[in-house]
Amino acid sequence: MKTWIARLALIMLLLATAPLAARADTWQIDPAHTSVEFTVRHMMISNVKGQFEKTSGTVTTDGNNPTSAVIDATIDAASVDTRVAKRDAHLKSADFLDVAKYPTITFKSKKVEADGPGKWKVTGELTLHGVTKEVVLEIDGPTPPVKDPMGNMRAGASATTTISRKDFGLTWNKTMESGGVLVGDEVKISIDVEAVKKPGA
């Protein structure tokens, strides 16, 4: 009798949790409509901006619960673009990103917390230049999903954060006669993401 009751309870538990699993949605980051930009001080007098041209990854959510979101994103480090070929080549070299040794930059989320209406804080691990550090993204969004002309559901969000180059072993610099440095340590990052729901999700 007890065995039969235990089996019935297990079946009921599986039936109760099945709809929750069915609500899991996977969204594919759309590289053509996603940008990852950065800003760094130059000679302590101006800002140099650049971006990474190639980003991929997924965002998995449990229905309409934003705190359930799991973000897994990858950036092609060699796709860095600051509109100056010589500077881009230097950034790809061993002095900076060392793309031959570390071809990708990754972010994997660990926690999502509400931070006001339509705003969230996403804590995750950023791996850059072979070093992994915990960072916090400040998120605006996501937007309500909309259907594109091909019938796919799409949504977008924006994120910002600031990191230290030195924290990731990016220490190359030159001291100027005035006493300042050529490249600032603080890197401001701005991300705009558009994602499409995977077919059948």
Protein backbone atom coordinates (compact mmCIF):
# COMPACT_ATOMS: atom_id res chain seq x y z
CA MET A 1 0.00 0.00 0.00
CA LYS A 2 2.74 2.43 0.95
CA THR A 3 4.66 1.61 -2.24
CA TRP A 4 1.60 2.32 -4.37
CA ILE A 5 1.03 5.66 -2.61
CA ALA A 6 4.67 6.60 -3.07
CA ARG A 7 4.48 5.86 -6.80
CA LEU A 8 1.27 7.87 -7.14
CA ALA A 9 2.89 10.81 -5.34
CA LEU A 10 5.89 10.66 -7.67
CA ILE A 11 3.65 10.64 -10.76
CA MET A 12 1.69 13.64 -9.44
CA LEU A 13 4.94 15.51 -8.77
CA LEU A 14 6.16 14.88 -12.33
CA LEU A 15 2.84 16.02 -13.78
CA ALA A 16 2.88 19.15 -11.64
CA THR A 17 6.40 20.16 -12.67
CA ALA A 18 6.09 19.27 -16.36
CA PRO A 19 4.26 22.51 -17.32
CA LEU A 20 7.03 24.52 -15.62
CA ALA A 21 9.68 22.87 -17.74
CA ALA A 22 7.57 23.34 -20.86
CA ARG A 23 7.55 27.11 -20.31
CA ALA A 24 11.32 27.39 -20.66
CA ASP A 25 12.16 29.61 -23.64
CA THR A 26 15.50 29.92 -25.41
CA TRP A 27 16.35 33.15 -27.22
CA GLN A 28 19.23 33.33 -29.69
CA ILE A 29 21.30 36.53 -29.71
CA ASP A 30 21.06 38.12 -33.17
CA PRO A 31 24.61 39.23 -34.13
CA ALA A 32 23.30 41.52 -36.88
CA HIS A 33 21.31 43.58 -34.38
CA THR A 34 23.57 43.34 -31.33
CA SER A 35 26.43 45.68 -30.41
CA VAL A 36 29.12 45.56 -27.74
CA GLU A 37 30.88 48.91 -27.39
CA PHE A 38 33.63 50.14 -25.06
CA THR A 39 35.12 53.48 -24.06
CA VAL A 40 38.64 54.11 -22.71
CA ARG A 41 40.43 57.35 -21.81
CA HIS A 42 43.33 58.34 -24.08
CA MET A 43 46.17 60.43 -22.65
CA MET A 44 43.72 61.46 -19.91
CA ILE A 45 42.22 64.09 -22.22
CA SER A 46 39.75 62.27 -24.50
CA ASN A 47 37.77 59.08 -24.95
CA VAL A 48 38.48 56.40 -27.54
CA LYS A 49 35.52 54.23 -28.47
CA GLY A 50 35.40 50.86 -30.13
CA GLN A 51 33.25 47.81 -30.56
CA PHE A 52 33.30 44.09 -31.18
CA GLU A 53 31.66 43.10 -34.45
CA LYS A 54 30.89 39.45 -33.66
CA THR A 55 28.76 38.37 -30.71
CA SER A 56 26.77 35.16 -30.23
CA GLY A 57 24.96 33.34 -27.44
CA THR A 58 21.66 32.50 -25.83
CA VAL A 59 19.28 33.77 -23.16
CA THR A 60 17.13 31.09 -21.51
CA THR A 61 14.10 32.09 -19.46
CA ASP A 62 11.41 30.28 -17.51
CA GLY A 63 8.27 31.80 -18.96
CA ASN A 64 7.74 35.44 -18.00
CA ASN A 65 10.02 35.38 -14.97
CA PRO A 66 13.03 37.66 -15.72
CA THR A 67 14.92 36.52 -12.62
CA SER A 68 15.10 33.04 -14.13
CA ALA A 69 17.09 34.28 -17.13
CA VAL A 70 20.39 32.54 -17.86
CA ILE A 71 22.73 34.41 -20.21
CA ASP A 72 25.57 32.72 -22.07
CA ALA A 73 27.37 35.04 -24.50
CA THR A 74 30.59 34.81 -26.52
CA ILE A 75 32.49 37.63 -28.24
CA ASP A 76 35.06 37.09 -30.98
CA ALA A 77 38.03 39.06 -29.58
CA ALA A 78 39.57 39.45 -33.05
CA SER A 79 36.47 41.36 -34.21
CA VAL A 80 37.55 44.46 -32.24
CA ASP A 81 37.12 47.63 -34.30
CA THR A 82 38.13 51.18 -33.33
CA ARG A 83 38.10 52.50 -36.94
CA VAL A 84 41.92 52.69 -36.97
CA ALA A 85 43.62 49.61 -38.47
CA LYS A 86 46.98 50.19 -36.74
CA ARG A 87 45.31 50.60 -33.33
CA ASP A 88 43.15 47.52 -33.91
CA ALA A 89 46.25 45.48 -34.71
CA HIS A 90 47.86 46.67 -31.46
CA LEU A 91 44.73 45.74 -29.46
CA LYS A 92 44.81 42.24 -30.97
CA SER A 93 48.48 41.78 -30.09
CA ALA A 94 50.02 40.29 -26.94
CA ASP A 95 50.18 43.81 -25.44
CA PHE A 96 46.40 43.79 -25.03
CA LEU A 97 43.83 41.13 -25.97
CA ASP A 98 46.35 38.60 -27.34
CA VAL A 99 43.67 37.14 -29.62
CA ALA A 100 45.97 34.36 -30.87
CA LYS A 101 46.06 32.94 -27.33
CA TYR A 102 42.64 34.11 -26.09
CA PRO A 103 40.31 34.16 -29.12
CA THR A 104 37.07 34.66 -27.21
CA ILE A 105 35.57 36.79 -24.44
CA THR A 106 32.70 35.13 -22.57
CA PHE A 107 30.00 36.09 -20.09
CA LYS A 108 27.95 33.57 -18.10
CA SER A 109 25.27 34.87 -15.74
CA LYS A 110 24.85 33.59 -12.19
CA LYS A 111 22.06 35.73 -10.74
CA VAL A 112 19.38 38.20 -11.86
CA GLU A 113 17.88 40.72 -9.40
CA ALA A 114 15.25 43.42 -9.79
CA ASP A 115 16.61 46.97 -9.59
CA GLY A 116 13.52 49.09 -10.13
CA PRO A 117 10.77 49.22 -12.78
CA GLY A 118 12.13 47.71 -15.99
CA LYS A 119 15.65 47.52 -14.54
CA TRP A 120 17.73 44.56 -13.40
CA LYS A 121 21.16 43.70 -12.09
CA VAL A 122 22.76 40.64 -13.64
CA THR A 123 25.75 39.16 -11.82
CA GLY A 124 27.96 36.86 -13.85
CA GLU A 125 31.45 35.74 -14.73
CA LEU A 126 33.34 37.63 -17.41
CA THR A 127 36.32 35.82 -18.90
CA LEU A 128 38.69 38.19 -20.68
CA HIS A 129 42.35 37.66 -21.59
CA GLY A 130 42.25 34.30 -19.83
CA VAL A 131 41.10 35.83 -16.53
CA THR A 132 37.65 35.27 -15.02
CA LYS A 133 36.14 37.92 -12.75
CA GLU A 134 32.66 38.53 -11.41
CA VAL A 135 30.98 41.61 -12.89
CA VAL A 136 27.53 43.18 -12.58
CA LEU A 137 25.56 44.33 -15.62
CA GLU A 138 22.92 47.02 -15.18
CA ILE A 139 20.04 46.10 -17.49
CA ASP A 140 17.26 48.16 -19.04
CA GLY A 141 14.50 45.96 -20.45
CA PRO A 142 13.72 43.54 -21.79
CA THR A 143 11.24 45.02 -24.23
CA PRO A 144 7.92 43.27 -24.78
CA PRO A 145 8.35 40.60 -27.49
CA VAL A 146 7.28 41.60 -31.01
CA LYS A 147 6.76 39.53 -34.15
CA ASP A 148 9.06 40.28 -37.08
CA PRO A 149 7.94 40.09 -40.77
CA MET A 150 9.04 36.44 -40.90
CA GLY A 151 6.90 35.47 -37.92
CA ASN A 152 9.74 35.21 -35.37
CA MET A 153 9.34 36.64 -31.89
CA ARG A 154 12.04 39.19 -30.95
CA ALA A 155 12.94 41.18 -27.83
CA GLY A 156 15.72 43.58 -26.87
CA ALA A 157 17.58 44.93 -23.86
CA SER A 158 20.47 47.27 -23.02
CA ALA A 159 23.25 46.80 -20.48
CA THR A 160 26.16 48.76 -19.04
CA THR A 161 29.07 48.01 -16.76
CA THR A 162 32.57 49.27 -15.95
CA ILE A 163 35.67 47.12 -15.50
CA SER A 164 39.34 47.64 -14.71
CA ARG A 165 41.83 46.57 -17.40
CA LYS A 166 44.34 45.61 -14.73
CA ASP A 167 41.90 43.19 -13.13
CA PHE A 168 42.11 41.14 -16.33
CA GLY A 169 45.86 41.35 -16.76
CA LEU A 170 45.70 44.08 -19.42
CA THR A 171 48.49 46.19 -17.98
CA TRP A 172 50.28 47.62 -21.04
CA ASN A 173 50.75 51.36 -20.80
CA LYS A 174 53.16 54.26 -21.28
CA THR A 175 53.88 57.12 -18.91
CA MET A 176 53.73 60.60 -20.42
CA GLU A 177 56.05 63.50 -19.63
CA SER A 178 53.16 65.27 -17.90
CA GLY A 179 52.94 62.38 -15.43
CA GLY A 180 49.78 60.82 -16.80
CA VAL A 181 49.41 57.59 -18.74
CA LEU A 182 48.63 56.89 -22.37
CA VAL A 183 45.71 54.50 -21.77
CA GLY A 184 43.19 54.70 -18.94
CA ASP A 185 42.54 51.69 -16.71
CA GLU A 186 38.75 52.07 -16.55
CA VAL A 187 36.78 50.56 -19.42
CA LYS A 188 33.12 51.49 -19.82
CA ILE A 189 31.07 48.86 -21.63
CA SER A 190 27.71 49.39 -23.32
CA ILE A 191 25.69 46.52 -24.79
CA ASP A 192 22.56 46.50 -26.93
CA VAL A 193 21.09 43.05 -27.51
CA GLU A 194 18.36 41.83 -29.81
CA ALA A 195 17.35 38.19 -29.47
CA VAL A 196 15.00 35.93 -31.40
CA LYS A 197 13.12 33.00 -29.92
CA LYS A 198 14.44 29.72 -31.26
CA PRO A 199 11.98 27.78 -33.45
CA GLY A 200 9.94 25.35 -31.43
CA ALA A 201 10.84 27.01 -28.11
